[in-house]
């Protein structure tokens, strides 16, 4: 492969990438905001759940061990 054919293939690749990006269905700003809020709420609920389970197991183990 010589330099000229490599450059041609590179620019062909870039053109193909641009064509594929044009086909992507991008979410609206509202969809992004709503899904971001949902993710934060789920993360908060999960962290509270695991904190509760951790505290409960900690107290249970210490009650059984007697420390």
C-alpha atoms as a PDB file:
ATOM      1  CA  UNK A   1       0.000   0.000   0.000  1.00  0.00           C
ATOM      2  CA  UNK A   2       1.500   3.298  -1.034  1.00  0.00           C
ATOM      3  CA  UNK A   3       0.978   6.659   0.633  1.00  0.00           C
ATOM      4  CA  UNK A   4      -1.566   7.911  -1.902  1.00  0.00           C
ATOM      5  CA  UNK A   5      -3.873   4.902  -1.542  1.00  0.00           C
ATOM      6  CA  UNK A   6      -3.551   5.136   2.263  1.00  0.00           C
ATOM      7  CA  UNK A   7      -4.627   8.781   2.215  1.00  0.00           C
ATOM      8  CA  UNK A   8      -7.548   7.973  -0.093  1.00  0.00           C
ATOM      9  CA  UNK A   9      -8.666   5.140   2.223  1.00  0.00           C
ATOM     10  CA  UNK A  10      -8.373   7.426   5.250  1.00  0.00           C
ATOM     11  CA  UNK A  11     -10.601  10.114   3.751  1.00  0.00           C
ATOM     12  CA  UNK A  12     -13.017   7.455   2.528  1.00  0.00           C
ATOM     13  CA  UNK A  13     -13.201   6.160   6.087  1.00  0.00           C
ATOM     14  CA  UNK A  14     -13.870   9.681   7.421  1.00  0.00           C
ATOM     15  CA  UNK A  15     -16.680  10.085   4.877  1.00  0.00           C
ATOM     16  CA  UNK A  16     -18.192   6.773   5.970  1.00  0.00           C
ATOM     17  CA  UNK A  17     -18.031   7.837   9.619  1.00  0.00           C
ATOM     18  CA  UNK A  18     -19.829  11.099   8.845  1.00  0.00           C
ATOM     19  CA  UNK A  19     -22.522   9.204   6.927  1.00  0.00           C
ATOM     20  CA  UNK A  20     -23.091   6.878   9.890  1.00  0.00           C
ATOM     21  CA  UNK A  21     -23.230   9.782  12.354  1.00  0.00           C
ATOM     22  CA  UNK A  22     -25.959  11.368  10.235  1.00  0.00           C
ATOM     23  CA  UNK A  23     -28.022   8.185  10.671  1.00  0.00           C
ATOM     24  CA  UNK A  24     -27.894   8.328  14.482  1.00  0.00           C
ATOM     25  CA  UNK A  25     -31.121   9.254  16.235  1.00  0.00           C
ATOM     26  CA  UNK A  26     -30.042  11.778  18.847  1.00  0.00           C
ATOM     27  CA  UNK A  27     -32.248  12.248  21.933  1.00  0.00           C
ATOM     28  CA  UNK A  28     -33.915  15.572  22.579  1.00  0.00           C
ATOM     29  CA  UNK A  29     -32.772  17.816  25.416  1.00  0.00           C
ATOM     30  CA  UNK A  30     -35.922  16.945  27.374  1.00  0.00           C
ATOM     31  CA  UNK A  31     -35.240  13.201  27.048  1.00  0.00           C
ATOM     32  CA  UNK A  32     -31.683  13.673  28.298  1.00  0.00           C
ATOM     33  CA  UNK A  33     -32.817  15.737  31.287  1.00  0.00           C
ATOM     34  CA  UNK A  34     -35.567  13.271  32.246  1.00  0.00           C
ATOM     35  CA  UNK A  35     -33.340  10.195  31.988  1.00  0.00           C
ATOM     36  CA  UNK A  36     -30.574  11.959  33.932  1.00  0.00           C
ATOM     37  CA  UNK A  37     -33.002  12.763  36.754  1.00  0.00           C
ATOM     38  CA  UNK A  38     -34.211   9.157  36.759  1.00  0.00           C
ATOM     39  CA  UNK A  39     -30.632   7.893  37.024  1.00  0.00           C
ATOM     40  CA  UNK A  40     -29.908  10.207  39.963  1.00  0.00           C
ATOM     41  CA  UNK A  41     -33.098   9.101  41.754  1.00  0.00           C
ATOM     42  CA  UNK A  42     -32.307   5.411  41.243  1.00  0.00           C
ATOM     43  CA  UNK A  43     -28.729   5.948  42.456  1.00  0.00           C
ATOM     44  CA  UNK A  44     -30.019   7.747  45.557  1.00  0.00           C
ATOM     45  CA  UNK A  45     -32.556   5.012  46.345  1.00  0.00           C
ATOM     46  CA  UNK A  46     -29.945   2.284  45.810  1.00  0.00           C
ATOM     47  CA  UNK A  47     -27.407   4.046  48.038  1.00  0.00           C
ATOM     48  CA  UNK A  48     -29.999   4.470  50.802  1.00  0.00           C
ATOM     49  CA  UNK A  49     -30.997   0.803  50.492  1.00  0.00           C
ATOM     50  CA  UNK A  50     -27.403  -0.431  50.709  1.00  0.00           C
ATOM     51  CA  UNK A  51     -26.649   1.917  53.620  1.00  0.00           C
ATOM     52  CA  UNK A  52     -29.662   0.500  55.470  1.00  0.00           C
ATOM     53  CA  UNK A  53     -28.647  -3.103  54.742  1.00  0.00           C
ATOM     54  CA  UNK A  54     -25.050  -2.385  55.754  1.00  0.00           C
ATOM     55  CA  UNK A  55     -26.082  -0.751  59.031  1.00  0.00           C
ATOM     56  CA  UNK A  56     -28.512  -3.569  59.819  1.00  0.00           C
ATOM     57  CA  UNK A  57     -25.932  -6.287  59.138  1.00  0.00           C
ATOM     58  CA  UNK A  58     -23.297  -4.362  61.129  1.00  0.00           C
ATOM     59  CA  UNK A  59     -25.573  -4.168  64.165  1.00  0.00           C
ATOM     60  CA  UNK A  60     -26.630  -7.806  63.790  1.00  0.00           C
ATOM     61  CA  UNK A  61     -23.060  -9.063  63.628  1.00  0.00           C
ATOM     62  CA  UNK A  62     -22.032  -6.973  66.621  1.00  0.00           C
ATOM     63  CA  UNK A  63     -25.055  -8.225  68.576  1.00  0.00           C
ATOM     64  CA  UNK A  64     -24.115 -11.838  67.830  1.00  0.00           C
ATOM     65  CA  UNK A  65     -20.400 -11.340  68.553  1.00  0.00           C
ATOM     66  CA  UNK A  66     -21.131  -9.319  71.667  1.00  0.00           C
ATOM     67  CA  UNK A  67     -18.764  -6.404  71.139  1.00  0.00           C
END
